[in-house]
């Protein structure tokens, strides 16, 4: 059996796969709340206890944080450090690989069918041979690259989501100033393109309008995931600040996705993944994303030809980790 994991700041999914022909075949899957555990090793011990008969031959985990020399420290979790050696010992000596979660997701995206993705850059045409870029707003902002070596794509990790936010126009400059005051100076892209980032955008527009937050909305924001509440209110058109936050989120996502495509020369396409993007599909398809994506001056003609896909399959990182684990076993 092959063990694969998608380890995120909010949830972790562990699954067992059988080695298939073209791709591993999933057998069983368990979801955990990441914050309820002290480390990936602890979570793995619970999983193995529930599946005592499983013999793990290889494992790969896509993790939300930088992987350096086979070790990682979670970016958005107070977890103990984890390394491939300790995970291998937990699995009885099976080979283990740790990948950045966006590396794993990028690998999974290569196998997506038409039903699992939606075009966001109409008229771009089919992907060309070349690099592919991945951007994924979720608990944080993940970015990765699939480098084309002439025969296959190789996943390369990145912490580009922590690069500096670059505003364009008066509204975004005002947003930068607002966030500088709130966060003590430097503002990264993750401060605007993530679940907490969406909340930041909402707070910005709420402060701009000068109107008190409705009591019912305040209660919902306090009792539930505020990003989910803002999304619901904005999509339904019940609150102007929520709706404006979603529109700006889509525009900023297009801006950074376009910049990422330029940095990596991603003529093979750009994938937009993560937990937020599928929920705001209607807003992303509304034009703000695609307009910002191609708004690159002299390079607009190049970007108009770059296909961009919204990823609908929530299991791409798990599938990518399973594919990598299958390669380890071979």
C-alpha atoms as a PDB file:
ATOM      1  CA  UNK A   1       0.000   0.000   0.000  1.00  0.00           C
ATOM      2  CA  UNK A   2       1.001   3.630  -0.563  1.00  0.00           C
ATOM      3  CA  UNK A   3       0.303   6.293   2.038  1.00  0.00           C
ATOM      4  CA  UNK A   4      -0.289   9.880   0.958  1.00  0.00           C
ATOM      5  CA  UNK A   5      -1.102  13.000   2.937  1.00  0.00           C
ATOM      6  CA  UNK A   6      -2.262  16.546   2.279  1.00  0.00           C
ATOM      7  CA  UNK A   7      -1.194  18.479   5.371  1.00  0.00           C
ATOM      8  CA  UNK A   8      -2.734  21.952   5.565  1.00  0.00           C
ATOM      9  CA  UNK A   9      -3.063  24.684   8.124  1.00  0.00           C
ATOM     10  CA  UNK A  10      -6.760  23.934   8.639  1.00  0.00           C
ATOM     11  CA  UNK A  11      -7.154  20.250   7.802  1.00  0.00           C
ATOM     12  CA  UNK A  12      -5.025  17.206   7.096  1.00  0.00           C
ATOM     13  CA  UNK A  13      -6.126  14.315   4.895  1.00  0.00           C
ATOM     14  CA  UNK A  14      -4.376  10.938   5.036  1.00  0.00           C
ATOM     15  CA  UNK A  15      -5.197   8.174   2.568  1.00  0.00           C
ATOM     16  CA  UNK A  16      -4.081   4.710   1.549  1.00  0.00           C
ATOM     17  CA  UNK A  17      -3.688   3.874  -2.134  1.00  0.00           C
ATOM     18  CA  UNK A  18      -3.048   0.731  -4.144  1.00  0.00           C
ATOM     19  CA  UNK A  19      -0.564   1.003  -6.968  1.00  0.00           C
ATOM     20  CA  UNK A  20      -2.529   1.262 -10.230  1.00  0.00           C
ATOM     21  CA  UNK A  21      -1.562   1.406 -13.890  1.00  0.00           C
ATOM     22  CA  UNK A  22      -1.516   5.092 -14.813  1.00  0.00           C
ATOM     23  CA  UNK A  23      -2.160   6.387 -11.296  1.00  0.00           C
ATOM     24  CA  UNK A  24      -2.556   5.036  -7.736  1.00  0.00           C
ATOM     25  CA  UNK A  25      -6.097   4.023  -6.739  1.00  0.00           C
ATOM     26  CA  UNK A  26      -7.439   5.387  -3.448  1.00  0.00           C
ATOM     27  CA  UNK A  27      -8.744   2.843  -0.924  1.00  0.00           C
ATOM     28  CA  UNK A  28      -9.467   4.742   2.289  1.00  0.00           C
ATOM     29  CA  UNK A  29      -9.286   8.366   3.425  1.00  0.00           C
ATOM     30  CA  UNK A  30      -9.428  10.101   6.834  1.00  0.00           C
ATOM     31  CA  UNK A  31      -9.667  13.818   7.536  1.00  0.00           C
ATOM     32  CA  UNK A  32      -8.283  15.488  10.665  1.00  0.00           C
ATOM     33  CA  UNK A  33      -8.385  19.013  12.077  1.00  0.00           C
ATOM     34  CA  UNK A  34      -4.733  20.019  12.006  1.00  0.00           C
ATOM     35  CA  UNK A  35      -4.848  22.308  15.049  1.00  0.00           C
ATOM     36  CA  UNK A  36      -6.105  19.471  17.253  1.00  0.00           C
ATOM     37  CA  UNK A  37      -2.775  17.623  16.977  1.00  0.00           C
ATOM     38  CA  UNK A  38       0.759  18.497  18.063  1.00  0.00           C
ATOM     39  CA  UNK A  39       2.507  17.122  14.986  1.00  0.00           C
ATOM     40  CA  UNK A  40       2.145  15.072  11.833  1.00  0.00           C
ATOM     41  CA  UNK A  41       3.713  12.086  13.628  1.00  0.00           C
ATOM     42  CA  UNK A  42       0.947  12.109  16.248  1.00  0.00           C
ATOM     43  CA  UNK A  43      -1.725  12.262  13.570  1.00  0.00           C
ATOM     44  CA  UNK A  44      -0.044   9.455  11.653  1.00  0.00           C
ATOM     45  CA  UNK A  45      -0.037   7.242  14.748  1.00  0.00           C
ATOM     46  CA  UNK A  46      -3.814   7.664  15.085  1.00  0.00           C
ATOM     47  CA  UNK A  47      -4.274   6.811  11.409  1.00  0.00           C
ATOM     48  CA  UNK A  48      -2.130   3.670  11.606  1.00  0.00           C
ATOM     49  CA  UNK A  49      -3.984   2.514  14.719  1.00  0.00           C
ATOM     50  CA  UNK A  50      -7.234   2.693  12.749  1.00  0.00           C
ATOM     51  CA  UNK A  51      -5.740   0.650   9.882  1.00  0.00           C
ATOM     52  CA  UNK A  52      -3.604  -1.938  11.638  1.00  0.00           C
ATOM     53  CA  UNK A  53      -3.569  -4.413   8.767  1.00  0.00           C
ATOM     54  CA  UNK A  54      -2.175  -1.996   6.214  1.00  0.00           C
ATOM     55  CA  UNK A  55       1.437  -2.531   5.133  1.00  0.00           C
ATOM     56  CA  UNK A  56       2.819   0.801   3.962  1.00  0.00           C
ATOM     57  CA  UNK A  57       5.508   0.406   1.299  1.00  0.00           C
ATOM     58  CA  UNK A  58       6.114   4.104   0.619  1.00  0.00           C
ATOM     59  CA  UNK A  59       4.687   7.438   1.686  1.00  0.00           C
ATOM     60  CA  UNK A  60       4.630  11.058   0.603  1.00  0.00           C
ATOM     61  CA  UNK A  61       3.169  14.070   2.375  1.00  0.00           C
ATOM     62  CA  UNK A  62       2.426  17.465   0.899  1.00  0.00           C
ATOM     63  CA  UNK A  63       2.940  19.875   3.803  1.00  0.00           C
ATOM     64  CA  UNK A  64       1.978  23.526   4.329  1.00  0.00           C
ATOM     65  CA  UNK A  65       5.437  24.978   4.841  1.00  0.00           C
ATOM     66  CA  UNK A  66       8.943  25.036   3.379  1.00  0.00           C
ATOM     67  CA  UNK A  67      10.705  21.670   3.158  1.00  0.00           C
ATOM     68  CA  UNK A  68      14.465  21.985   3.626  1.00  0.00           C
ATOM     69  CA  UNK A  69      16.781  18.947   3.651  1.00  0.00           C
ATOM     70  CA  UNK A  70      13.889  16.584   4.310  1.00  0.00           C
ATOM     71  CA  UNK A  71      12.481  18.580   7.248  1.00  0.00           C
ATOM     72  CA  UNK A  72       9.678  21.073   7.682  1.00  0.00           C
ATOM     73  CA  UNK A  73       8.244  23.441  10.239  1.00  0.00           C
ATOM     74  CA  UNK A  74       4.572  24.292   9.718  1.00  0.00           C
ATOM     75  CA  UNK A  75       4.009  27.937   8.793  1.00  0.00           C
ATOM     76  CA  UNK A  76       0.512  28.372  10.244  1.00  0.00           C
ATOM     77  CA  UNK A  77       0.507  25.722  12.996  1.00  0.00           C
ATOM     78  CA  UNK A  78       2.299  25.484  16.393  1.00  0.00           C
ATOM     79  CA  UNK A  79       3.610  22.036  15.498  1.00  0.00           C
ATOM     80  CA  UNK A  80       6.793  20.238  16.437  1.00  0.00           C
ATOM     81  CA  UNK A  81       9.282  20.019  13.537  1.00  0.00           C
ATOM     82  CA  UNK A  82       8.971  16.900  11.388  1.00  0.00           C
ATOM     83  CA  UNK A  83      11.487  15.166   9.129  1.00  0.00           C
ATOM     84  CA  UNK A  84      11.431  12.293   6.688  1.00  0.00           C
ATOM     85  CA  UNK A  85      13.546  10.079   8.959  1.00  0.00           C
ATOM     86  CA  UNK A  86      11.122  10.275  11.908  1.00  0.00           C
ATOM     87  CA  UNK A  87       8.166   9.601   9.633  1.00  0.00           C
ATOM     88  CA  UNK A  88       9.955   6.614   8.120  1.00  0.00           C
ATOM     89  CA  UNK A  89      10.559   5.185  11.595  1.00  0.00           C
ATOM     90  CA  UNK A  90       6.866   5.606  12.397  1.00  0.00           C
ATOM     91  CA  UNK A  91       6.078   3.647   9.231  1.00  0.00           C
ATOM     92  CA  UNK A  92       8.476   0.820  10.003  1.00  0.00           C
ATOM     93  CA  UNK A  93      11.257   1.956   7.693  1.00  0.00           C
ATOM     94  CA  UNK A  94       9.230   2.638   4.536  1.00  0.00           C
ATOM     95  CA  UNK A  95      10.720   5.351   2.279  1.00  0.00           C
ATOM     96  CA  UNK A  96       9.119   8.735   2.905  1.00  0.00           C
ATOM     97  CA  UNK A  97       9.200  12.027   1.015  1.00  0.00           C
ATOM     98  CA  UNK A  98       8.074  15.436   2.202  1.00  0.00           C
ATOM     99  CA  UNK A  99       6.977  17.905  -0.465  1.00  0.00           C
ATOM    100  CA  UNK A 100       5.695  21.410  -0.114  1.00  0.00           C
ATOM    101  CA  UNK A 101       1.905  21.149  -0.400  1.00  0.00           C
ATOM    102  CA  UNK A 102       1.912  23.173  -3.607  1.00  0.00           C
ATOM    103  CA  UNK A 103       4.489  20.852  -5.147  1.00  0.00           C
ATOM    104  CA  UNK A 104       2.142  17.953  -4.425  1.00  0.00           C
ATOM    105  CA  UNK A 105      -0.880  19.878  -5.708  1.00  0.00           C
ATOM    106  CA  UNK A 106       0.982  20.824  -8.876  1.00  0.00           C
ATOM    107  CA  UNK A 107       1.726  17.171  -9.591  1.00  0.00           C
ATOM    108  CA  UNK A 108      -1.949  16.317  -9.094  1.00  0.00           C
ATOM    109  CA  UNK A 109      -3.079  19.114 -11.388  1.00  0.00           C
ATOM    110  CA  UNK A 110      -1.234  17.590 -14.323  1.00  0.00           C
ATOM    111  CA  UNK A 111      -3.736  14.733 -14.287  1.00  0.00           C
ATOM    112  CA  UNK A 112      -6.917  16.824 -14.137  1.00  0.00           C
ATOM    113  CA  UNK A 113      -9.670  16.184 -16.641  1.00  0.00           C
ATOM    114  CA  UNK A 114     -11.980  18.804 -18.166  1.00  0.00           C
ATOM    115  CA  UNK A 115     -14.640  18.145 -15.506  1.00  0.00           C
ATOM    116  CA  UNK A 116     -12.197  19.139 -12.732  1.00  0.00           C
ATOM    117  CA  UNK A 117     -11.144  22.530 -14.112  1.00  0.00           C
ATOM    118  CA  UNK A 118     -12.676  25.706 -15.535  1.00  0.00           C
ATOM    119  CA  UNK A 119     -10.995  28.137 -17.944  1.00  0.00           C
ATOM    120  CA  UNK A 120     -10.483  31.668 -16.544  1.00  0.00           C
ATOM    121  CA  UNK A 121      -8.665  33.168 -19.534  1.00  0.00           C
ATOM    122  CA  UNK A 122     -11.103  32.639 -22.427  1.00  0.00           C
ATOM    123  CA  UNK A 123      -9.587  32.495 -25.864  1.00  0.00           C
ATOM    124  CA  UNK A 124      -6.091  31.602 -24.654  1.00  0.00           C
ATOM    125  CA  UNK A 125      -5.980  28.398 -26.660  1.00  0.00           C
ATOM    126  CA  UNK A 126      -4.445  25.087 -25.566  1.00  0.00           C
ATOM    127  CA  UNK A 127      -1.408  24.882 -23.268  1.00  0.00           C
ATOM    128  CA  UNK A 128       1.968  24.985 -25.017  1.00  0.00           C
ATOM    129  CA  UNK A 129       5.014  22.936 -24.024  1.00  0.00           C
ATOM    130  CA  UNK A 130       6.657  24.830 -21.202  1.00  0.00           C
ATOM    131  CA  UNK A 131       6.558  25.738 -17.536  1.00  0.00           C
ATOM    132  CA  UNK A 132       3.332  25.683 -15.537  1.00  0.00           C
ATOM    133  CA  UNK A 133       2.596  27.951 -12.545  1.00  0.00           C
ATOM    134  CA  UNK A 134       0.318  27.185  -9.608  1.00  0.00           C
ATOM    135  CA  UNK A 135      -1.224  29.674  -7.169  1.00  0.00           C
ATOM    136  CA  UNK A 136      -3.496  28.577  -4.332  1.00  0.00           C
ATOM    137  CA  UNK A 137      -5.143  30.903  -1.795  1.00  0.00           C
ATOM    138  CA  UNK A 138      -6.294  29.029   1.311  1.00  0.00           C
ATOM    139  CA  UNK A 139      -5.261  29.240   4.951  1.00  0.00           C
ATOM    140  CA  UNK A 140      -2.148  30.847   3.462  1.00  0.00           C
ATOM    141  CA  UNK A 141      -1.049  31.613  -0.093  1.00  0.00           C
ATOM    142  CA  UNK A 142       0.809  28.836  -1.848  1.00  0.00           C
ATOM    143  CA  UNK A 143       2.751  29.123  -5.095  1.00  0.00           C
ATOM    144  CA  UNK A 144       4.730  26.553  -7.069  1.00  0.00           C
ATOM    145  CA  UNK A 145       6.170  25.918 -10.512  1.00  0.00           C
ATOM    146  CA  UNK A 146       6.228  22.861 -12.745  1.00  0.00           C
ATOM    147  CA  UNK A 147       9.433  23.236 -14.739  1.00  0.00           C
ATOM    148  CA  UNK A 148       9.387  21.698 -18.213  1.00  0.00           C
ATOM    149  CA  UNK A 149      12.683  19.947 -19.005  1.00  0.00           C
ATOM    150  CA  UNK A 150      11.727  19.023 -22.558  1.00  0.00           C
ATOM    151  CA  UNK A 151      10.257  15.659 -21.615  1.00  0.00           C
ATOM    152  CA  UNK A 152       8.389  16.045 -18.319  1.00  0.00           C
ATOM    153  CA  UNK A 153       7.332  18.524 -15.657  1.00  0.00           C
ATOM    154  CA  UNK A 154       9.338  18.715 -12.421  1.00  0.00           C
ATOM    155  CA  UNK A 155       7.672  20.310  -9.356  1.00  0.00           C
ATOM    156  CA  UNK A 156       9.590  23.156  -7.728  1.00  0.00           C
ATOM    157  CA  UNK A 157       8.530  24.553  -4.362  1.00  0.00           C
ATOM    158  CA  UNK A 158       8.212  28.245  -3.599  1.00  0.00           C
ATOM    159  CA  UNK A 159       7.368  30.589  -0.743  1.00  0.00           C
ATOM    160  CA  UNK A 160       6.340  33.270  -3.200  1.00  0.00           C
ATOM    161  CA  UNK A 161       3.145  33.939  -1.267  1.00  0.00           C
ATOM    162  CA  UNK A 162       5.309  35.664   1.349  1.00  0.00           C
ATOM    163  CA  UNK A 163       6.743  38.062  -1.213  1.00  0.00           C
ATOM    164  CA  UNK A 164       5.872  41.742  -0.829  1.00  0.00           C
ATOM    165  CA  UNK A 165       2.407  42.931  -1.880  1.00  0.00           C
ATOM    166  CA  UNK A 166       2.723  45.380  -4.795  1.00  0.00           C
ATOM    167  CA  UNK A 167      -0.327  47.674  -5.063  1.00  0.00           C
ATOM    168  CA  UNK A 168      -1.547  49.228  -8.286  1.00  0.00           C
ATOM    169  CA  UNK A 169      -3.828  52.277  -8.293  1.00  0.00           C
ATOM    170  CA  UNK A 170      -5.171  54.480  -5.521  1.00  0.00           C
ATOM    171  CA  UNK A 171      -7.464  51.914  -3.928  1.00  0.00           C
ATOM    172  CA  UNK A 172      -4.741  49.301  -3.562  1.00  0.00           C
ATOM    173  CA  UNK A 173      -2.275  51.898  -2.271  1.00  0.00           C
ATOM    174  CA  UNK A 174      -4.830  52.853   0.387  1.00  0.00           C
ATOM    175  CA  UNK A 175      -5.178  49.150   1.200  1.00  0.00           C
ATOM    176  CA  UNK A 176      -1.403  48.837   1.603  1.00  0.00           C
ATOM    177  CA  UNK A 177      -1.339  51.762   4.021  1.00  0.00           C
ATOM    178  CA  UNK A 178      -4.249  50.265   5.974  1.00  0.00           C
ATOM    179  CA  UNK A 179      -2.453  46.910   6.275  1.00  0.00           C
ATOM    180  CA  UNK A 180       0.886  48.520   7.146  1.00  0.00           C
ATOM    181  CA  UNK A 181      -0.794  50.134  10.142  1.00  0.00           C
ATOM    182  CA  UNK A 182      -2.516  46.883  11.090  1.00  0.00           C
ATOM    183  CA  UNK A 183       0.525  44.601  10.702  1.00  0.00           C
ATOM    184  CA  UNK A 184       3.434  46.801  11.651  1.00  0.00           C
ATOM    185  CA  UNK A 185       5.027  47.648   8.330  1.00  0.00           C
ATOM    186  CA  UNK A 186       5.711  44.979   5.727  1.00  0.00           C
ATOM    187  CA  UNK A 187       2.728  43.455   3.911  1.00  0.00           C
ATOM    188  CA  UNK A 188       3.008  40.168   1.995  1.00  0.00           C
ATOM    189  CA  UNK A 189       0.711  38.820  -0.712  1.00  0.00           C
ATOM    190  CA  UNK A 190      -0.575  36.305   1.833  1.00  0.00           C
ATOM    191  CA  UNK A 191      -2.019  39.238   3.825  1.00  0.00           C
ATOM    192  CA  UNK A 192      -4.502  39.822   0.991  1.00  0.00           C
ATOM    193  CA  UNK A 193      -4.785  36.472  -0.841  1.00  0.00           C
ATOM    194  CA  UNK A 194      -5.792  33.928   1.807  1.00  0.00           C
ATOM    195  CA  UNK A 195      -8.640  33.305   4.218  1.00  0.00           C
ATOM    196  CA  UNK A 196      -7.258  35.857   6.698  1.00  0.00           C
ATOM    197  CA  UNK A 197      -6.462  38.064   3.699  1.00  0.00           C
ATOM    198  CA  UNK A 198     -10.117  38.124   2.651  1.00  0.00           C
ATOM    199  CA  UNK A 199     -10.971  39.238   6.184  1.00  0.00           C
ATOM    200  CA  UNK A 200      -8.360  42.004   5.854  1.00  0.00           C
ATOM    201  CA  UNK A 201      -9.996  43.190   2.629  1.00  0.00           C
ATOM    202  CA  UNK A 202     -13.401  43.234   4.291  1.00  0.00           C
ATOM    203  CA  UNK A 203     -12.076  45.220   7.282  1.00  0.00           C
ATOM    204  CA  UNK A 204     -10.524  47.692   4.849  1.00  0.00           C
ATOM    205  CA  UNK A 205     -13.816  48.320   3.044  1.00  0.00           C
ATOM    206  CA  UNK A 206     -15.773  48.406   6.300  1.00  0.00           C
ATOM    207  CA  UNK A 207     -13.428  51.117   7.576  1.00  0.00           C
ATOM    208  CA  UNK A 208     -13.691  53.009   4.275  1.00  0.00           C
ATOM    209  CA  UNK A 209     -17.482  53.122   4.195  1.00  0.00           C
ATOM    210  CA  UNK A 210     -17.647  54.545   7.719  1.00  0.00           C
ATOM    211  CA  UNK A 211     -20.794  52.583   8.564  1.00  0.00           C
ATOM    212  CA  UNK A 212     -21.141  50.409  11.643  1.00  0.00           C
ATOM    213  CA  UNK A 213     -21.066  46.683  11.069  1.00  0.00           C
ATOM    214  CA  UNK A 214     -24.592  45.224  11.298  1.00  0.00           C
ATOM    215  CA  UNK A 215     -25.110  43.412  14.605  1.00  0.00           C
ATOM    216  CA  UNK A 216     -26.276  40.202  12.925  1.00  0.00           C
ATOM    217  CA  UNK A 217     -23.168  40.133  10.712  1.00  0.00           C
ATOM    218  CA  UNK A 218     -20.915  40.789  13.724  1.00  0.00           C
ATOM    219  CA  UNK A 219     -22.444  37.816  15.514  1.00  0.00           C
ATOM    220  CA  UNK A 220     -21.869  35.543  12.534  1.00  0.00           C
ATOM    221  CA  UNK A 221     -18.288  36.716  12.098  1.00  0.00           C
ATOM    222  CA  UNK A 222     -17.631  35.964  15.765  1.00  0.00           C
ATOM    223  CA  UNK A 223     -19.219  32.520  15.798  1.00  0.00           C
ATOM    224  CA  UNK A 224     -18.026  31.101  12.445  1.00  0.00           C
ATOM    225  CA  UNK A 225     -15.058  31.183  10.096  1.00  0.00           C
ATOM    226  CA  UNK A 226     -15.124  34.883   9.159  1.00  0.00           C
ATOM    227  CA  UNK A 227     -13.789  34.300   5.636  1.00  0.00           C
ATOM    228  CA  UNK A 228     -16.644  31.858   4.938  1.00  0.00           C
ATOM    229  CA  UNK A 229     -19.193  34.347   6.279  1.00  0.00           C
ATOM    230  CA  UNK A 230     -17.773  37.169   4.158  1.00  0.00           C
ATOM    231  CA  UNK A 231     -17.913  34.906   1.103  1.00  0.00           C
ATOM    232  CA  UNK A 232     -21.555  33.974   1.738  1.00  0.00           C
ATOM    233  CA  UNK A 233     -22.624  37.572   2.374  1.00  0.00           C
ATOM    234  CA  UNK A 234     -20.729  38.882  -0.622  1.00  0.00           C
ATOM    235  CA  UNK A 235     -21.994  36.261  -3.066  1.00  0.00           C
ATOM    236  CA  UNK A 236     -25.566  36.824  -1.898  1.00  0.00           C
ATOM    237  CA  UNK A 237     -25.196  40.595  -2.215  1.00  0.00           C
ATOM    238  CA  UNK A 238     -26.382  41.173   1.345  1.00  0.00           C
ATOM    239  CA  UNK A 239     -23.424  43.328   2.424  1.00  0.00           C
ATOM    240  CA  UNK A 240     -21.607  45.845   0.235  1.00  0.00           C
ATOM    241  CA  UNK A 241     -18.281  45.605   2.092  1.00  0.00           C
ATOM    242  CA  UNK A 242     -18.271  41.800   1.715  1.00  0.00           C
ATOM    243  CA  UNK A 243     -19.092  42.058  -1.989  1.00  0.00           C
ATOM    244  CA  UNK A 244     -16.345  44.629  -2.584  1.00  0.00           C
ATOM    245  CA  UNK A 245     -13.865  42.421  -0.688  1.00  0.00           C
ATOM    246  CA  UNK A 246     -14.620  39.486  -3.004  1.00  0.00           C
ATOM    247  CA  UNK A 247     -14.259  41.647  -6.115  1.00  0.00           C
ATOM    248  CA  UNK A 248     -10.904  43.024  -4.972  1.00  0.00           C
ATOM    249  CA  UNK A 249      -9.773  39.531  -3.971  1.00  0.00           C
ATOM    250  CA  UNK A 250     -10.461  38.340  -7.524  1.00  0.00           C
ATOM    251  CA  UNK A 251      -8.603  41.280  -9.020  1.00  0.00           C
ATOM    252  CA  UNK A 252      -5.572  40.841  -6.765  1.00  0.00           C
ATOM    253  CA  UNK A 253      -5.537  37.097  -7.488  1.00  0.00           C
ATOM    254  CA  UNK A 254      -5.409  37.895 -11.198  1.00  0.00           C
ATOM    255  CA  UNK A 255      -2.604  40.399 -10.653  1.00  0.00           C
ATOM    256  CA  UNK A 256      -0.396  37.993  -8.724  1.00  0.00           C
ATOM    257  CA  UNK A 257      -1.221  35.044 -10.998  1.00  0.00           C
ATOM    258  CA  UNK A 258      -0.155  37.131 -13.991  1.00  0.00           C
ATOM    259  CA  UNK A 259       3.034  38.223 -12.265  1.00  0.00           C
ATOM    260  CA  UNK A 260       3.794  34.598 -11.374  1.00  0.00           C
ATOM    261  CA  UNK A 261       3.260  33.610 -15.002  1.00  0.00           C
ATOM    262  CA  UNK A 262       5.781  36.268 -16.062  1.00  0.00           C
ATOM    263  CA  UNK A 263       8.349  35.301 -13.421  1.00  0.00           C
ATOM    264  CA  UNK A 264       8.244  31.654 -14.492  1.00  0.00           C
ATOM    265  CA  UNK A 265       7.396  32.109 -18.199  1.00  0.00           C
ATOM    266  CA  UNK A 266       4.452  29.776 -17.658  1.00  0.00           C
ATOM    267  CA  UNK A 267       3.380  29.353 -21.271  1.00  0.00           C
ATOM    268  CA  UNK A 268       2.190  25.860 -20.298  1.00  0.00           C
ATOM    269  CA  UNK A 269      -0.579  27.411 -18.225  1.00  0.00           C
ATOM    270  CA  UNK A 270      -1.511  28.656 -14.775  1.00  0.00           C
ATOM    271  CA  UNK A 271      -3.604  26.676 -12.283  1.00  0.00           C
ATOM    272  CA  UNK A 272      -5.584  28.460  -9.570  1.00  0.00           C
ATOM    273  CA  UNK A 273      -6.214  26.088  -6.667  1.00  0.00           C
ATOM    274  CA  UNK A 274      -6.680  26.228  -2.913  1.00  0.00           C
ATOM    275  CA  UNK A 275      -9.819  26.147  -0.825  1.00  0.00           C
ATOM    276  CA  UNK A 276     -11.131  29.648  -1.555  1.00  0.00           C
ATOM    277  CA  UNK A 277     -11.090  29.857  -5.356  1.00  0.00           C
ATOM    278  CA  UNK A 278     -13.773  27.203  -6.108  1.00  0.00           C
ATOM    279  CA  UNK A 279     -16.134  28.847  -3.605  1.00  0.00           C
ATOM    280  CA  UNK A 280     -15.915  32.201  -5.391  1.00  0.00           C
ATOM    281  CA  UNK A 281     -15.998  30.793  -8.922  1.00  0.00           C
ATOM    282  CA  UNK A 282     -18.756  33.211  -9.949  1.00  0.00           C
ATOM    283  CA  UNK A 283     -16.612  36.198  -8.950  1.00  0.00           C
ATOM    284  CA  UNK A 284     -13.463  34.820 -10.611  1.00  0.00           C
ATOM    285  CA  UNK A 285     -15.394  34.301 -13.839  1.00  0.00           C
ATOM    286  CA  UNK A 286     -16.813  37.827 -13.663  1.00  0.00           C
ATOM    287  CA  UNK A 287     -13.906  39.471 -15.481  1.00  0.00           C
ATOM    288  CA  UNK A 288     -11.894  41.155 -12.729  1.00  0.00           C
ATOM    289  CA  UNK A 289      -9.473  38.233 -12.493  1.00  0.00           C
ATOM    290  CA  UNK A 290      -8.818  37.853 -16.219  1.00  0.00           C
ATOM    291  CA  UNK A 291      -8.494  41.615 -16.775  1.00  0.00           C
ATOM    292  CA  UNK A 292      -5.884  41.906 -14.016  1.00  0.00           C
ATOM    293  CA  UNK A 293      -4.098  38.770 -15.232  1.00  0.00           C
ATOM    294  CA  UNK A 294      -3.363  40.201 -18.683  1.00  0.00           C
ATOM    295  CA  UNK A 295      -2.833  43.830 -17.576  1.00  0.00           C
ATOM    296  CA  UNK A 296       0.965  43.689 -17.965  1.00  0.00           C
ATOM    297  CA  UNK A 297       1.767  46.448 -20.435  1.00  0.00           C
ATOM    298  CA  UNK A 298       3.981  45.220 -23.263  1.00  0.00           C
ATOM    299  CA  UNK A 299       3.534  41.614 -22.143  1.00  0.00           C
ATOM    300  CA  UNK A 300      -0.254  41.616 -22.410  1.00  0.00           C
ATOM    301  CA  UNK A 301      -0.171  39.766 -25.779  1.00  0.00           C
ATOM    302  CA  UNK A 302       1.951  36.997 -24.212  1.00  0.00           C
ATOM    303  CA  UNK A 303      -0.398  36.560 -21.246  1.00  0.00           C
ATOM    304  CA  UNK A 304      -3.515  36.538 -23.417  1.00  0.00           C
ATOM    305  CA  UNK A 305      -2.186  33.274 -24.844  1.00  0.00           C
ATOM    306  CA  UNK A 306      -1.539  31.663 -21.424  1.00  0.00           C
ATOM    307  CA  UNK A 307      -4.374  29.319 -20.434  1.00  0.00           C
ATOM    308  CA  UNK A 308      -5.576  29.729 -16.842  1.00  0.00           C
ATOM    309  CA  UNK A 309      -7.596  27.060 -15.077  1.00  0.00           C
ATOM    310  CA  UNK A 310      -9.622  27.176 -11.873  1.00  0.00           C
ATOM    311  CA  UNK A 311      -9.125  23.817 -10.131  1.00  0.00           C
ATOM    312  CA  UNK A 312     -12.353  22.259  -8.816  1.00  0.00           C
ATOM    313  CA  UNK A 313     -10.933  18.967  -7.495  1.00  0.00           C
ATOM    314  CA  UNK A 314     -10.161  19.370  -3.758  1.00  0.00           C
ATOM    315  CA  UNK A 315      -7.982  16.236  -3.718  1.00  0.00           C
ATOM    316  CA  UNK A 316      -5.257  17.295  -6.164  1.00  0.00           C
ATOM    317  CA  UNK A 317      -2.530  17.576  -3.497  1.00  0.00           C
ATOM    318  CA  UNK A 318      -3.408  14.135  -2.153  1.00  0.00           C
ATOM    319  CA  UNK A 319      -3.327  12.655  -5.656  1.00  0.00           C
ATOM    320  CA  UNK A 320      -0.018  14.356  -6.388  1.00  0.00           C
ATOM    321  CA  UNK A 321       1.522  13.021  -3.171  1.00  0.00           C
ATOM    322  CA  UNK A 322       0.308   9.517  -4.049  1.00  0.00           C
ATOM    323  CA  UNK A 323       1.898   9.760  -7.502  1.00  0.00           C
ATOM    324  CA  UNK A 324       5.213  10.784  -5.929  1.00  0.00           C
ATOM    325  CA  UNK A 325       5.003   7.974  -3.369  1.00  0.00           C
ATOM    326  CA  UNK A 326       4.397   5.474  -6.170  1.00  0.00           C
ATOM    327  CA  UNK A 327       7.606   6.669  -7.770  1.00  0.00           C
ATOM    328  CA  UNK A 328       9.454   6.173  -4.473  1.00  0.00           C
ATOM    329  CA  UNK A 329       8.250   2.611  -4.279  1.00  0.00           C
ATOM    330  CA  UNK A 330       9.312   1.844  -7.836  1.00  0.00           C
END
